C-alpha atoms as a PDB file:
ATOM      1  CA  UNK A   1      -0.074  -0.077   0.003  1.00  0.00           C
ATOM      2  CA  UNK A   2       1.361   3.324  -0.953  1.00  0.00           C
ATOM      3  CA  UNK A   3       2.016   6.038   1.723  1.00  0.00           C
ATOM      4  CA  UNK A   4      -0.540   8.393   0.226  1.00  0.00           C
ATOM      5  CA  UNK A   5      -3.170   5.566   0.175  1.00  0.00           C
ATOM      6  CA  UNK A   6      -2.587   4.863   3.828  1.00  0.00           C
ATOM      7  CA  UNK A   7      -2.743   8.561   4.703  1.00  0.00           C
ATOM      8  CA  UNK A   8      -6.029   9.028   2.868  1.00  0.00           C
ATOM      9  CA  UNK A   9      -7.409   5.810   4.473  1.00  0.00           C
ATOM     10  CA  UNK A  10      -6.592   7.048   8.016  1.00  0.00           C
ATOM     11  CA  UNK A  11      -7.873  10.523   7.325  1.00  0.00           C
ATOM     12  CA  UNK A  12     -11.167   9.163   6.038  1.00  0.00           C
ATOM     13  CA  UNK A  13     -11.630   6.856   9.030  1.00  0.00           C
ATOM     14  CA  UNK A  14     -10.726   9.607  11.432  1.00  0.00           C
ATOM     15  CA  UNK A  15     -13.221  12.035   9.788  1.00  0.00           C
ATOM     16  CA  UNK A  16     -15.965   9.366   9.869  1.00  0.00           C
ATOM     17  CA  UNK A  17     -15.174   8.655  13.625  1.00  0.00           C
ATOM     18  CA  UNK A  18     -15.134  12.459  14.334  1.00  0.00           C
ATOM     19  CA  UNK A  19     -18.508  13.054  12.652  1.00  0.00           C
ATOM     20  CA  UNK A  20     -20.148  10.010  14.338  1.00  0.00           C
ATOM     21  CA  UNK A  21     -18.787  11.125  17.672  1.00  0.00           C
ATOM     22  CA  UNK A  22     -20.189  14.681  17.213  1.00  0.00           C
ATOM     23  CA  UNK A  23     -23.654  13.474  16.443  1.00  0.00           C
ATOM     24  CA  UNK A  24     -23.669  11.024  19.372  1.00  0.00           C
ATOM     25  CA  UNK A  25     -22.677  13.941  21.528  1.00  0.00           C
ATOM     26  CA  UNK A  26     -25.471  16.089  20.135  1.00  0.00           C
ATOM     27  CA  UNK A  27     -27.957  13.393  20.669  1.00  0.00           C
ATOM     28  CA  UNK A  28     -27.032  12.587  24.291  1.00  0.00           C
ATOM     29  CA  UNK A  29     -26.636  16.327  25.364  1.00  0.00           C
ATOM     30  CA  UNK A  30     -29.863  17.716  23.874  1.00  0.00           C
ATOM     31  CA  UNK A  31     -32.688  18.077  26.561  1.00  0.00           C
ATOM     32  CA  UNK A  32     -35.798  16.111  25.796  1.00  0.00           C
ATOM     33  CA  UNK A  33     -38.705  17.919  24.327  1.00  0.00           C
ATOM     34  CA  UNK A  34     -41.693  18.696  26.640  1.00  0.00           C
ATOM     35  CA  UNK A  35     -44.303  16.236  25.960  1.00  0.00           C
ATOM     36  CA  UNK A  36     -47.950  17.452  25.866  1.00  0.00           C
ATOM     37  CA  UNK A  37     -50.153  16.456  28.655  1.00  0.00           C
ATOM     38  CA  UNK A  38     -52.250  13.674  27.355  1.00  0.00           C
ATOM     39  CA  UNK A  39     -54.876  14.156  30.137  1.00  0.00           C
ATOM     40  CA  UNK A  40     -55.430  17.854  29.750  1.00  0.00           C
ATOM     41  CA  UNK A  41     -58.380  17.409  27.534  1.00  0.00           C
ATOM     42  CA  UNK A  42     -59.977  15.185  30.120  1.00  0.00           C
ATOM     43  CA  UNK A  43     -59.671  17.679  33.024  1.00  0.00           C
ATOM     44  CA  UNK A  44     -62.822  19.537  33.975  1.00  0.00           C
ATOM     45  CA  UNK A  45     -62.644  23.230  33.151  1.00  0.00           C
END
């Protein structure tokens, strides 16, 4: 394997790992959306 091919392969793998890690971080650190109260329409007014 050429040196340039090895460098390209390592850079590609590192970029995929970095992008995957970034999106996992975004998923795990975003606060959950507030869910609407499903019983609010059943409450007497």
